[in-house]
């Protein structure tokens, strides 16, 4: 059923004539972290008149997070896609590198600026640098050293920028598999409400999304 919903929302006529509205969300914190998202799909004829209205429910199992469902009307992000390789999944799929940055950069604003630029270029602005390095003045500067924990795919960014700013970059530990704890989620997938005619899915323009291990769809006529 989920393939039916994906195929339906990705048709050109759906974007031109129809729409999908979020009408309810429900989440349960527990062993399976189940979340439910209820949508109404309105289908119109070529004259713009209402032809059909149906209810659909997306159920995500072992849900990790969902964001950007700020409005019930999802336009222009109506094209559903499930992605298994995306920056939002790196933290759950990849080895985790615990690194130490020794030496505070002489030009901290340029240092952070270079990191932001590299992050946006690599991750499409989906990952927030502040999640990986923070307390710059209160901790890093005071101690002339800081420890960061990062997914493998962003390691080269930190190495590159640290080298430029003469900050020593050392990998202290690599956490794999179950040693990653909660973030060991190799089956995590991204269900995104996107529209690559407006913006590619690998760049963040606040497309609604759900990260979970599995998805199920039911249709209510």
Protein backbone atom coordinates (compact mmCIF):
# COMPACT_ATOMS: atom_id res chain seq x y z
CA UNK A 1 0.00 0.00 0.00
CA UNK A 2 2.87 2.39 0.69
CA UNK A 3 4.10 1.93 -2.87
CA UNK A 4 0.63 2.91 -4.09
CA UNK A 5 0.75 6.14 -2.07
CA UNK A 6 4.28 6.95 -3.26
CA UNK A 7 3.34 6.33 -6.89
CA UNK A 8 0.17 8.39 -6.52
CA UNK A 9 1.85 11.47 -5.03
CA UNK A 10 4.66 11.43 -7.59
CA UNK A 11 2.41 11.62 -10.63
CA UNK A 12 2.52 14.91 -12.49
CA UNK A 13 -1.26 15.26 -12.45
CA UNK A 14 -1.27 14.89 -8.65
CA UNK A 15 0.96 17.94 -8.24
CA UNK A 16 -1.05 19.91 -10.79
CA UNK A 17 -4.59 19.08 -9.65
CA UNK A 18 -4.62 17.36 -6.25
CA UNK A 19 -3.31 17.98 -2.76
CA UNK A 20 -2.50 16.23 0.50
CA UNK A 21 -3.30 17.66 3.93
CA UNK A 22 -2.06 16.50 7.32
CA UNK A 23 -5.03 16.35 9.70
CA UNK A 24 -3.64 14.45 12.69
CA UNK A 25 -0.48 13.09 14.28
CA UNK A 26 -0.20 10.60 17.10
CA UNK A 27 2.91 9.12 18.67
CA UNK A 28 3.49 6.57 21.40
CA UNK A 29 6.76 6.39 23.31
CA UNK A 30 7.53 2.79 24.11
CA UNK A 31 9.31 -0.28 22.89
CA UNK A 32 8.25 0.23 19.27
CA UNK A 33 7.93 4.06 19.19
CA UNK A 34 4.93 4.00 16.87
CA UNK A 35 3.80 7.22 15.20
CA UNK A 36 0.69 7.72 13.09
CA UNK A 37 0.12 10.46 10.52
CA UNK A 38 -3.36 10.85 9.06
CA UNK A 39 -3.76 12.67 5.76
CA UNK A 40 -6.60 13.59 3.50
CA UNK A 41 -6.00 13.54 -0.23
CA UNK A 42 -8.23 15.72 -2.35
CA UNK A 43 -8.44 14.90 -6.04
CA UNK A 44 -9.85 17.41 -8.50
CA UNK A 45 -10.88 17.17 -12.11
CA UNK A 46 -9.34 19.20 -14.93
CA UNK A 47 -11.79 22.02 -14.17
CA UNK A 48 -10.69 22.29 -10.55
CA UNK A 49 -13.83 20.71 -9.12
CA UNK A 50 -13.60 18.25 -6.23
CA UNK A 51 -13.79 14.73 -7.64
CA UNK A 52 -12.74 12.52 -4.74
CA UNK A 53 -11.51 12.72 -1.16
CA UNK A 54 -9.79 9.86 0.72
CA UNK A 55 -8.11 9.37 4.06
CA UNK A 56 -4.66 7.81 4.29
CA UNK A 57 -2.65 6.87 7.35
CA UNK A 58 1.11 6.44 7.48
CA UNK A 59 2.28 4.37 10.44
CA UNK A 60 5.99 4.46 11.30
CA UNK A 61 7.50 1.79 13.53
CA UNK A 62 10.55 2.32 15.73
CA UNK A 63 10.29 6.00 14.96
CA UNK A 64 13.37 8.13 15.58
CA UNK A 65 12.11 11.60 14.73
CA UNK A 66 9.76 13.61 12.53
CA UNK A 67 9.98 17.30 11.69
CA UNK A 68 8.66 20.20 9.63
CA UNK A 69 4.97 19.29 9.74
CA UNK A 70 4.19 22.90 10.57
CA UNK A 71 1.20 23.32 8.27
CA UNK A 72 -1.65 21.00 7.35
CA UNK A 73 -1.22 21.96 3.68
CA UNK A 74 2.02 20.34 2.54
CA UNK A 75 2.32 22.14 -0.80
CA UNK A 76 4.69 22.25 -2.58
CA UNK A 77 6.18 19.22 -0.77
CA UNK A 78 3.70 16.54 -1.75
CA UNK A 79 5.89 13.93 -3.47
CA UNK A 80 6.64 11.10 -1.06
CA UNK A 81 9.87 9.16 -1.32
CA UNK A 82 11.65 6.67 0.94
CA UNK A 83 15.42 7.17 1.03
CA UNK A 84 17.98 4.84 2.57
CA UNK A 85 21.11 6.96 2.08
CA UNK A 86 20.85 10.58 3.22
CA UNK A 87 22.75 12.95 5.56
CA UNK A 88 19.91 12.66 8.09
CA UNK A 89 20.70 8.94 8.36
CA UNK A 90 24.49 9.15 8.74
CA UNK A 91 24.34 9.35 12.52
CA UNK A 92 22.33 6.11 12.63
CA UNK A 93 24.08 4.16 9.85
CA UNK A 94 27.74 5.06 10.23
CA UNK A 95 30.53 4.48 12.72
CA UNK A 96 30.83 7.21 15.29
CA UNK A 97 34.19 8.96 15.62
CA UNK A 98 35.18 10.46 18.96
CA UNK A 99 37.79 13.10 18.25
CA UNK A 100 39.79 15.66 20.21
CA UNK A 101 40.57 19.13 18.88
CA UNK A 102 43.72 20.44 20.56
CA UNK A 103 44.51 24.13 20.37
CA UNK A 104 42.01 26.95 20.06
CA UNK A 105 42.03 28.59 16.58
CA UNK A 106 43.57 32.06 16.33
CA UNK A 107 40.57 33.20 14.28
CA UNK A 108 37.61 31.37 15.83
CA UNK A 109 34.96 33.15 13.75
CA UNK A 110 36.68 32.12 10.52
CA UNK A 111 37.16 28.61 11.88
CA UNK A 112 33.44 28.20 12.59
CA UNK A 113 32.55 29.94 9.34
CA UNK A 114 34.67 27.47 7.35
CA UNK A 115 33.05 24.56 9.16
CA UNK A 116 29.55 25.93 8.42
CA UNK A 117 30.41 26.35 4.74
CA UNK A 118 31.79 22.82 4.46
CA UNK A 119 28.81 21.39 6.33
CA UNK A 120 26.32 23.08 4.04
CA UNK A 121 28.24 22.00 0.97
CA UNK A 122 28.42 18.34 2.04
CA UNK A 123 25.13 17.84 3.86
CA UNK A 124 22.81 20.21 2.02
CA UNK A 125 22.22 22.00 5.33
CA UNK A 126 20.45 18.94 6.74
CA UNK A 127 22.97 18.57 9.56
CA UNK A 128 23.47 21.34 12.08
CA UNK A 129 27.09 22.03 12.99
CA UNK A 130 26.00 23.06 16.50
CA UNK A 131 25.01 19.48 17.19
CA UNK A 132 28.66 18.44 16.90
CA UNK A 133 30.67 21.36 18.25
CA UNK A 134 29.36 23.81 20.83
CA UNK A 135 30.31 25.80 23.92
CA UNK A 136 33.06 27.39 21.84
CA UNK A 137 33.91 30.25 24.19
CA UNK A 138 32.79 28.81 27.51
CA UNK A 139 34.52 25.44 27.18
CA UNK A 140 36.70 25.09 24.09
CA UNK A 141 38.54 28.39 24.47
CA UNK A 142 38.89 28.02 28.23
CA UNK A 143 40.38 24.52 27.99
CA UNK A 144 42.23 25.00 24.68
CA UNK A 145 40.74 21.64 23.72
CA UNK A 146 37.38 20.04 23.05
CA UNK A 147 36.01 16.58 22.29
CA UNK A 148 33.54 16.00 19.47
CA UNK A 149 31.51 12.98 18.40
CA UNK A 150 30.77 12.80 14.66
CA UNK A 151 29.58 10.34 11.99
CA UNK A 152 32.24 9.08 9.61
CA UNK A 153 31.04 11.14 6.63
CA UNK A 154 31.86 14.48 8.27
CA UNK A 155 35.27 13.47 9.60
CA UNK A 156 37.09 14.80 6.53
CA UNK A 157 35.43 18.21 6.99
CA UNK A 158 36.86 18.63 10.48
CA UNK A 159 40.28 17.34 9.41
CA UNK A 160 40.39 19.80 6.50
CA UNK A 161 39.32 22.86 8.49
CA UNK A 162 41.48 21.97 11.50
CA UNK A 163 44.51 21.64 9.23
CA UNK A 164 43.81 25.05 7.70
CA UNK A 165 43.53 26.70 11.12
CA UNK A 166 46.43 24.78 12.69
CA UNK A 167 44.23 22.93 15.16
CA UNK A 168 45.40 19.44 16.04
CA UNK A 169 42.78 16.84 15.13
CA UNK A 170 43.05 13.42 16.80
CA UNK A 171 40.73 10.42 16.54
CA UNK A 172 40.52 8.91 20.03
CA UNK A 173 37.91 6.20 19.54
CA UNK A 174 35.61 4.70 16.92
CA UNK A 175 32.26 3.33 18.07
CA UNK A 176 30.67 0.65 15.92
CA UNK A 177 27.44 -1.32 15.96
CA UNK A 178 25.95 -1.91 19.43
CA UNK A 179 28.62 0.27 21.08
CA UNK A 180 26.86 3.27 19.53
CA UNK A 181 23.88 2.65 21.79
CA UNK A 182 20.65 4.34 20.68
CA UNK A 183 22.17 5.62 17.43
CA UNK A 184 22.92 2.10 16.20
CA UNK A 185 19.96 2.02 13.82
CA UNK A 186 21.20 0.42 10.56
CA UNK A 187 17.62 -0.17 9.38
CA UNK A 188 16.58 3.47 9.72
CA UNK A 189 15.00 4.99 6.62
CA UNK A 190 13.92 8.48 5.67
CA UNK A 191 10.40 9.11 4.39
CA UNK A 192 10.39 12.60 2.95
CA UNK A 193 7.64 14.77 1.57
CA UNK A 194 9.62 16.52 -1.12
CA UNK A 195 9.38 17.93 -4.59
CA UNK A 196 12.57 17.84 -6.61
CA UNK A 197 11.08 20.26 -9.12
CA UNK A 198 11.27 22.83 -6.33
CA UNK A 199 14.27 21.58 -4.35
CA UNK A 200 16.35 18.37 -4.42
CA UNK A 201 15.76 16.07 -1.47
CA UNK A 202 19.43 16.30 -0.52
CA UNK A 203 19.08 20.02 0.26
CA UNK A 204 17.15 21.28 3.27
CA UNK A 205 14.33 23.70 2.59
CA UNK A 206 12.29 22.42 5.55
CA UNK A 207 10.66 19.50 3.76
CA UNK A 208 8.53 17.41 6.16
CA UNK A 209 10.11 14.07 6.97
CA UNK A 210 9.91 10.98 9.17
CA UNK A 211 12.86 8.80 10.21
CA UNK A 212 11.89 5.29 11.25
CA UNK A 213 12.80 1.66 10.65
CA UNK A 214 9.63 0.72 8.79
CA UNK A 215 6.53 2.31 7.34
CA UNK A 216 3.03 1.02 6.72
CA UNK A 217 0.15 2.72 4.97
CA UNK A 218 -3.58 2.17 5.26
CA UNK A 219 -6.23 3.73 3.03
CA UNK A 220 -9.62 4.73 4.38
CA UNK A 221 -12.16 5.34 1.62
